[in-house]
Protein backbone atom coordinates (compact mmCIF):
# COMPACT_ATOMS: atom_id res chain seq x y z
CA MET A 1 0.93 30.27 -17.27
CA SER A 2 1.78 30.26 -20.34
CA ASN A 3 4.95 28.19 -20.95
CA LYS A 4 3.05 24.28 -20.76
CA LYS A 5 5.98 22.80 -19.03
CA ASP A 6 5.78 25.18 -16.23
CA ASP A 7 1.93 23.84 -15.66
CA ALA A 8 1.36 22.59 -12.28
CA TYR A 9 -1.05 21.01 -10.13
CA LEU A 10 -1.64 22.59 -6.57
CA PHE A 11 -2.72 20.14 -3.86
CA VAL A 12 -2.79 20.99 0.11
CA VAL A 13 -0.50 18.97 2.14
CA GLU A 14 0.29 18.33 5.45
CA TRP A 15 3.05 17.49 7.61
CA PHE A 16 3.26 16.08 11.22
CA ASP A 17 6.25 17.72 12.59
CA PRO A 18 7.33 15.62 15.56
CA MET A 19 8.87 17.77 18.17
CA PRO A 20 6.08 20.45 18.70
CA GLN A 21 3.70 17.67 17.98
CA LEU A 22 1.61 20.02 15.51
CA LYS A 23 0.24 19.45 11.78
CA ARG A 24 2.05 21.93 9.78
CA GLN A 25 0.21 22.67 5.96
CA TYR A 26 1.71 23.65 3.00
CA LEU A 27 0.75 24.38 -0.95
CA MET A 28 2.75 22.35 -2.87
CA LYS A 29 2.95 22.78 -6.27
CA TYR A 30 3.72 19.62 -8.70
CA PHE A 31 5.06 20.16 -12.02
CA HIS A 32 4.33 16.85 -13.92
CA GLU A 33 5.71 17.45 -17.06
CA GLN A 34 8.94 18.21 -15.37
CA HIS A 35 8.47 16.34 -12.27
CA MET A 36 9.35 18.69 -9.82
CA VAL A 37 7.69 20.46 -6.81
CA GLU A 38 7.56 23.67 -4.89
CA MET A 39 6.19 24.11 -1.74
CA ILE A 40 4.69 27.30 0.14
CA ASP A 41 4.27 27.73 3.80
CA LEU A 42 0.15 28.21 4.10
CA LYS A 43 0.49 29.61 7.33
CA SER A 44 3.38 32.39 6.87
CA LYS A 45 2.78 32.41 3.09
CA LYS A 46 6.58 32.50 2.55
CA LEU A 47 8.31 29.44 0.15
CA PHE A 48 9.43 26.62 2.30
CA LEU A 49 11.08 24.60 -0.78
CA LYS A 50 12.49 25.84 -4.00
CA LYS A 51 11.55 23.99 -7.25
CA SER A 52 13.19 21.07 -6.61
CA VAL A 53 13.48 17.61 -9.27
CA CYS A 54 11.33 14.95 -7.35
CA PRO A 55 13.54 11.99 -5.79
CA PRO A 56 13.82 9.16 -8.12
CA GLU A 57 11.76 6.59 -5.96
CA ILE A 58 8.88 9.17 -6.07
CA THR A 59 6.54 8.50 -9.19
CA LYS A 60 3.94 10.81 -10.75
CA GLU A 61 0.53 7.97 -9.35
CA GLU A 62 1.55 8.86 -5.59
CA PHE A 63 0.07 13.06 -6.72
CA VAL A 64 -3.15 11.88 -5.78
CA VAL A 65 -5.43 13.60 -2.87
CA GLY A 66 -5.69 11.11 -0.36
CA GLY A 67 -2.36 9.38 -0.86
CA LYS A 68 1.05 10.37 0.51
CA VAL A 69 4.55 11.10 -0.48
CA LEU A 70 7.64 10.82 0.70
CA LEU A 71 9.93 13.95 0.66
CA TYR A 72 12.96 14.91 1.13
CA SER A 73 12.73 12.88 4.83
CA ARG A 74 9.11 14.47 5.03
CA LEU A 75 6.03 12.36 4.89
CA LEU A 76 3.25 14.36 3.11
CA ASP A 77 -0.30 13.38 2.94
CA ILE A 78 -2.36 15.12 0.47
CA VAL A 79 -5.47 16.30 1.99
CA ASP A 80 -7.06 18.40 -0.95
CA TYR A 81 -6.50 20.18 -3.71
CA GLY A 82 -4.80 23.60 -3.63
CA ASP A 83 -7.07 24.93 -6.47
CA LEU A 84 -10.42 24.77 -8.88
CA LYS A 85 -8.23 24.33 -11.83
CA THR A 86 -5.87 21.22 -10.71
CA ARG A 87 -9.87 19.82 -9.06
CA GLU A 88 -11.45 20.16 -12.58
CA LYS A 89 -8.29 18.29 -14.37
CA LEU A 90 -8.15 15.76 -11.83
CA HIS A 91 -11.23 14.93 -9.72
CA GLU A 92 -13.50 14.25 -12.67
CA GLN A 93 -11.15 12.07 -13.99
CA VAL A 94 -9.45 10.13 -11.34
CA GLU A 95 -11.86 7.90 -9.49
CA LYS A 96 -11.50 5.79 -6.22
CA PHE A 97 -13.15 2.41 -5.75
CA ILE A 98 -13.04 -0.30 -3.46
CA VAL A 99 -12.62 -3.64 -4.02
CA VAL A 100 -13.83 -6.64 -2.22
CA MET A 101 -12.57 -10.12 -2.61
CA THR A 102 -14.22 -12.50 -0.63
CA PRO A 103 -13.16 -15.61 1.13
CA ASP A 104 -14.23 -17.89 -1.94
CA LEU A 105 -11.58 -16.29 -4.15
CA TYR A 106 -8.64 -16.61 -2.14
CA ALA A 107 -6.90 -18.71 -4.61
CA LYS A 108 -6.99 -16.01 -7.19
CA TRP A 109 -6.06 -12.61 -4.54
CA GLY A 110 -2.76 -12.44 -6.06
CA SER A 111 -3.97 -12.80 -9.93
CA ILE A 112 -7.42 -10.39 -9.48
CA LEU A 113 -5.04 -7.44 -7.96
CA SER A 114 -2.23 -7.95 -10.71
CA THR A 115 -5.01 -7.54 -12.92
CA LEU A 116 -6.03 -4.37 -11.38
CA ASN A 117 -2.70 -2.73 -10.46
CA LYS A 118 -1.82 -2.55 -14.17
CA SER A 119 -5.09 0.03 -14.99
CA PHE A 120 -5.28 1.53 -11.52
CA HIS A 121 -3.03 2.69 -8.44
CA LEU A 122 -3.45 0.71 -5.09
CA LEU A 123 -4.09 3.30 -2.40
CA ASN A 124 -4.76 1.03 0.48
CA ILE A 125 -5.32 -2.70 1.56
CA SER A 126 -6.19 -4.84 3.99
CA THR A 127 -7.91 -7.81 4.96
CA ALA A 128 -11.22 -8.10 6.92
CA TYR A 129 -13.48 -9.66 8.96
CA ILE A 130 -16.86 -9.01 7.28
CA ASP A 131 -19.86 -9.93 10.35
CA GLN A 132 -23.02 -11.00 9.18
CA ARG A 133 -24.87 -7.33 9.71
CA LYS A 134 -21.71 -5.40 7.55
CA ALA A 135 -22.32 -8.19 4.94
CA ASP A 136 -26.26 -7.04 4.69
CA ASP A 137 -25.29 -3.33 4.82
CA ILE A 138 -22.91 -4.18 2.35
CA CYS A 139 -25.48 -6.08 -0.05
CA ASP A 140 -27.65 -3.50 0.34
CA LEU A 141 -25.12 -0.59 -0.49
CA LEU A 142 -24.13 -2.45 -3.44
CA THR A 143 -28.02 -3.36 -4.23
CA LEU A 144 -26.65 -7.30 -4.52
CA SER A 145 -29.24 -9.55 -3.94
CA SER A 146 -29.04 -11.20 -0.19
CA LYS A 147 -27.65 -14.51 -1.23
CA ASN A 148 -24.56 -12.35 -1.74
CA SER A 149 -24.30 -12.07 2.22
CA ALA A 150 -22.97 -15.27 2.51
CA LEU A 151 -20.15 -15.23 0.61
CA PHE A 152 -18.14 -11.72 2.56
CA SER A 153 -19.11 -13.40 6.29
CA ASP A 154 -17.66 -16.62 5.54
CA GLY A 155 -13.88 -15.91 6.41
CA ILE A 156 -11.54 -13.45 5.63
CA CYS A 157 -11.81 -10.67 2.80
CA LEU A 158 -9.40 -8.89 1.19
CA VAL A 159 -10.37 -5.14 0.83
CA ALA A 160 -8.45 -2.80 -1.58
CA LEU A 161 -8.87 1.44 -2.21
CA MET A 162 -8.18 1.81 -5.75
CA SER A 163 -7.81 5.05 -7.99
CA GLY A 164 -7.69 5.71 -11.67
CA ILE A 165 -8.91 7.39 -14.38
CA GLY A 166 -12.44 6.26 -15.33
CA GLY A 167 -12.07 4.13 -12.48
CA PHE A 168 -16.14 2.77 -11.86
CA GLN A 169 -16.55 2.37 -15.25
CA SER A 170 -13.69 0.60 -16.17
CA VAL A 171 -13.86 -2.02 -13.12
CA LYS A 172 -17.11 -2.65 -12.94
CA GLY A 173 -16.29 -4.72 -16.56
CA LEU A 174 -13.44 -6.33 -14.38
CA SER A 175 -15.53 -7.13 -11.32
CA ILE A 176 -18.02 -9.20 -13.52
CA ASP A 177 -14.83 -10.78 -15.41
CA LEU A 178 -12.99 -11.78 -11.83
CA GLY A 179 -15.95 -12.49 -9.25
CA PHE A 180 -15.24 -9.78 -7.02
CA PHE A 181 -17.13 -6.87 -5.72
CA CYS A 182 -16.64 -2.99 -6.17
CA SER A 183 -18.19 0.46 -5.56
CA THR A 184 -19.65 2.05 -8.21
CA THR A 185 -20.01 5.74 -6.87
CA MET A 186 -18.08 7.58 -4.89
CA GLU A 187 -21.04 7.78 -2.41
CA GLN A 188 -20.79 4.27 -2.36
CA SER A 189 -16.88 4.41 -2.16
CA GLU A 190 -16.57 6.40 1.15
CA ILE A 191 -19.36 4.50 2.89
CA LEU A 192 -17.26 1.01 2.24
CA HIS A 193 -14.10 2.87 3.25
CA GLU A 194 -15.75 3.79 6.49
CA LEU A 195 -16.98 0.49 6.88
CA LEU A 196 -14.20 -1.91 6.05
CA LEU A 197 -10.86 0.45 6.02
CA HIS A 198 -10.91 2.50 8.89
CA PRO A 199 -7.44 3.37 10.65
CA ARG A 200 -9.06 1.95 13.32
CA ARG A 201 -10.26 -1.31 12.08
CA SER A 202 -9.18 -4.40 13.60
CA SER A 203 -6.40 -6.77 12.65
CA THR A 204 -6.76 -9.98 11.55
CA ALA A 205 -3.76 -11.29 12.33
CA THR A 206 -3.81 -14.35 14.47
CA PHE A 207 -0.09 -14.24 15.72
CA ASP A 208 0.31 -17.91 15.49
CA ASN A 209 2.37 -20.48 13.36
CA CYS A 210 3.25 -17.08 11.51
CA THR A 211 6.46 -15.55 9.85
CA CYS A 212 6.06 -11.79 8.46
CA ALA A 213 6.50 -10.74 4.99
CA LEU A 214 6.95 -7.37 3.98
CA VAL A 215 6.13 -6.24 0.11
CA LYS A 216 9.18 -3.23 0.38
CA PRO A 217 8.02 0.24 -0.89
CA HIS A 218 9.82 -0.11 -4.31
CA ALA A 219 8.13 -2.57 -5.33
CA VAL A 220 5.01 -1.75 -4.09
CA LYS A 221 5.39 1.30 -6.72
CA ARG A 222 6.42 -1.04 -9.50
CA ARG A 223 2.92 -3.01 -9.03
CA LEU A 224 3.88 -5.91 -7.54
CA VAL A 225 2.40 -6.30 -4.29
CA GLY A 226 -0.23 -8.56 -6.73
CA PRO A 227 2.72 -10.90 -8.22
CA ILE A 228 4.33 -11.16 -4.61
CA MET A 229 0.86 -12.51 -3.30
CA GLU A 230 0.31 -14.45 -6.25
CA HIS A 231 3.54 -16.41 -5.60
CA ILE A 232 3.14 -16.71 -1.98
CA ILE A 233 -0.25 -18.43 -2.13
CA SER A 234 0.49 -20.58 -5.14
CA GLN A 235 3.33 -22.03 -2.49
CA GLY A 236 0.38 -23.14 -0.31
CA TYR A 237 0.74 -20.35 2.42
CA GLU A 238 -2.11 -18.89 4.36
CA ILE A 239 -2.13 -15.18 4.22
CA SER A 240 -3.89 -14.62 7.53
CA ALA A 241 -3.72 -10.50 7.59
CA VAL A 242 -3.01 -7.88 5.03
CA SER A 243 -2.12 -4.46 5.90
CA MET A 244 -0.55 -1.25 4.15
CA ILE A 245 1.83 1.10 6.35
CA HIS A 246 4.17 3.10 6.04
CA PHE A 247 7.34 3.46 8.26
CA ASP A 248 9.07 6.35 9.79
CA ARG A 249 12.72 6.53 10.54
CA THR A 250 11.93 5.62 14.08
CA GLU A 251 9.75 2.54 13.33
CA ALA A 252 11.96 1.17 10.61
CA ALA A 253 14.87 1.38 12.61
CA GLU A 254 13.34 -0.37 15.43
CA PHE A 255 11.63 -2.53 13.18
CA LEU A 256 15.15 -4.04 11.58
CA GLU A 257 17.42 -3.12 14.79
CA VAL A 258 18.35 -6.79 15.20
CA TYR A 259 20.16 -6.28 11.36
CA LYS A 260 22.13 -3.50 12.76
CA ASP A 261 25.82 -4.96 13.64
CA VAL A 262 25.09 -7.91 11.10
CA VAL A 263 23.42 -6.42 7.59
CA PRO A 264 26.21 -3.94 6.53
CA GLU A 265 23.81 -2.25 4.46
CA TYR A 266 21.55 -1.41 7.48
CA SER A 267 21.18 2.17 7.19
CA ASP A 268 20.36 1.94 3.72
CA HIS A 269 17.60 -0.91 4.48
CA CYS A 270 16.39 1.51 6.91
CA LYS A 271 15.84 4.62 3.95
CA GLN A 272 14.03 1.92 1.80
CA PHE A 273 11.67 1.45 4.58
CA CYS A 274 10.91 4.91 4.81
CA SER A 275 10.94 5.72 0.98
CA GLY A 276 7.28 4.99 0.52
CA PRO A 277 4.30 2.51 1.62
CA SER A 278 5.13 -1.31 1.98
CA ILE A 279 2.34 -4.03 2.35
CA ALA A 280 2.70 -6.28 5.73
CA PHE A 281 1.50 -9.95 4.94
CA GLU A 282 1.15 -12.69 8.11
CA VAL A 283 2.07 -15.35 6.37
CA ARG A 284 0.94 -18.70 8.17
CA ALA A 285 2.61 -22.38 7.74
CA GLU A 286 4.18 -25.27 10.13
CA GLU A 287 7.75 -24.01 10.44
CA ALA A 288 6.78 -20.74 8.75
CA VAL A 289 9.66 -18.51 9.33
CA HIS A 290 12.20 -21.58 8.00
CA ILE A 291 9.71 -22.47 5.34
CA PHE A 292 9.37 -18.96 3.86
CA ARG A 293 12.77 -18.07 3.67
CA GLN A 294 12.95 -20.84 1.30
CA THR A 295 10.04 -19.32 -0.66
CA ALA A 296 11.62 -15.65 -0.05
CA GLY A 297 15.24 -16.45 -1.35
CA PRO A 298 18.40 -15.29 -0.98
CA TRP A 299 19.04 -11.57 0.52
CA ASP A 300 20.86 -10.82 -2.20
CA SER A 301 18.54 -10.28 -5.52
CA GLU A 302 21.99 -10.91 -7.66
CA MET A 303 22.56 -14.13 -6.08
CA ALA A 304 18.78 -15.37 -6.02
CA LYS A 305 18.63 -14.56 -9.55
CA GLU A 306 22.12 -16.73 -9.94
CA LEU A 307 20.82 -19.70 -7.28
CA ARG A 308 17.38 -19.60 -6.58
CA PRO A 309 15.52 -17.67 -9.75
CA ASP A 310 12.23 -19.44 -8.84
CA THR A 311 11.94 -17.24 -5.90
CA ILE A 312 10.35 -14.03 -5.15
CA ARG A 313 13.66 -12.07 -4.67
CA GLY A 314 14.83 -14.10 -7.83
CA GLN A 315 12.00 -12.82 -9.81
CA TYR A 316 11.21 -9.47 -8.47
CA GLY A 317 13.93 -8.00 -6.58
CA GLU A 318 17.15 -5.75 -8.07
CA ASP A 319 19.63 -5.58 -5.51
CA LYS A 320 20.90 -6.16 -1.93
CA ILE A 321 18.33 -3.40 -0.54
CA ARG A 322 15.57 -3.07 -3.41
CA ASN A 323 15.31 -6.91 -3.14
CA ALA A 324 11.35 -7.25 -3.43
CA LEU A 325 10.53 -8.20 0.16
CA HIS A 326 11.41 -8.08 3.89
CA CYS A 327 10.93 -11.70 5.54
CA THR A 328 11.32 -12.49 9.50
CA ASP A 329 14.85 -14.14 9.76
CA LEU A 330 14.87 -15.68 13.08
CA PRO A 331 12.48 -18.72 14.11
CA THR A 332 12.08 -16.39 17.61
CA ASP A 333 10.94 -13.61 15.52
CA GLY A 334 8.40 -14.36 13.62
CA VAL A 335 5.16 -13.58 15.92
CA SER A 336 7.32 -10.35 16.99
CA GLU A 337 7.73 -8.73 13.88
CA CYS A 338 3.91 -9.48 12.74
CA LYS A 339 2.77 -7.94 16.27
CA TYR A 340 5.18 -4.98 15.17
CA CYS A 341 3.31 -4.76 11.89
CA PHE A 342 -0.15 -5.53 12.58
CA GLU A 343 -0.51 -3.96 16.14
CA LEU A 344 2.20 -1.25 17.00
CA VAL A 345 2.32 0.29 13.32
CA ALA A 346 -0.68 2.46 12.51
CA PRO A 347 -2.34 1.07 9.38
CA MET A 348 -3.17 3.46 6.60
């Protein structure tokens, strides 16, 4: 295209249509300079969405193969590049890599993630049990000494899929400084993804003495997952499970149903939950629900900033809807909310 402002990246995207239970494919044109999109139905070759401005909550970093984007109430999977030009521009620049933080680094999980997320885009994250056999396989794959095998299998690991320009080379130096392990080739990334982040992976959730904490989509996009995790760990809580999930409208309404006749902004909260990926934490402590509510702070972030500025919502919230974090409100709901996030909603 001759006009630089009209230059677009092309992606193949899929949307699962719930009525006929079919996956529909589209060619998405993303006009990165203008932050606008256009979509063509690949089957009919007809215009599906005319050139439109992206909703303000969508960021440029979300347009990456393997990612998801919520566009006008449709959750789209970006499954491939739409043309050779886009592939050449993006595929060689943006590299995906897997980071594994071992149990001995638990106190630093949040700070390590904060450092990584400043330069790289977080695509997925989960805790994982790594048995001895998998640990040995990982050491072989990453050409590590067999002595490191015990580090992987001695508890729960935190695994993250990230992407960025020059990812492999950039993250290599950070891994040496911060002590985590990471893939340094595409082949290693693909094998580790299958081993540790497969959608059918087992959850590490305990459903015991727990509360549910959800980093909301707006906070994920603002790259606040690391700082919030760091805050939780520094307060002495045990984070026993982590998963990235994406609520659809039905799931958001079900999860927040207890607040339907209590919170005036119920529908706005549902919309926020559907606006992008959330990060679910199972947080454990004695009287976890009651104690963690104090750590989270008042529901209204403006009130939190005034009265409890040291809380999570006081530091990272923006308003009543974008208050950074959902946490279980009733002591009887701690286990059920964790089960909803770690058993009923499919992980990404």
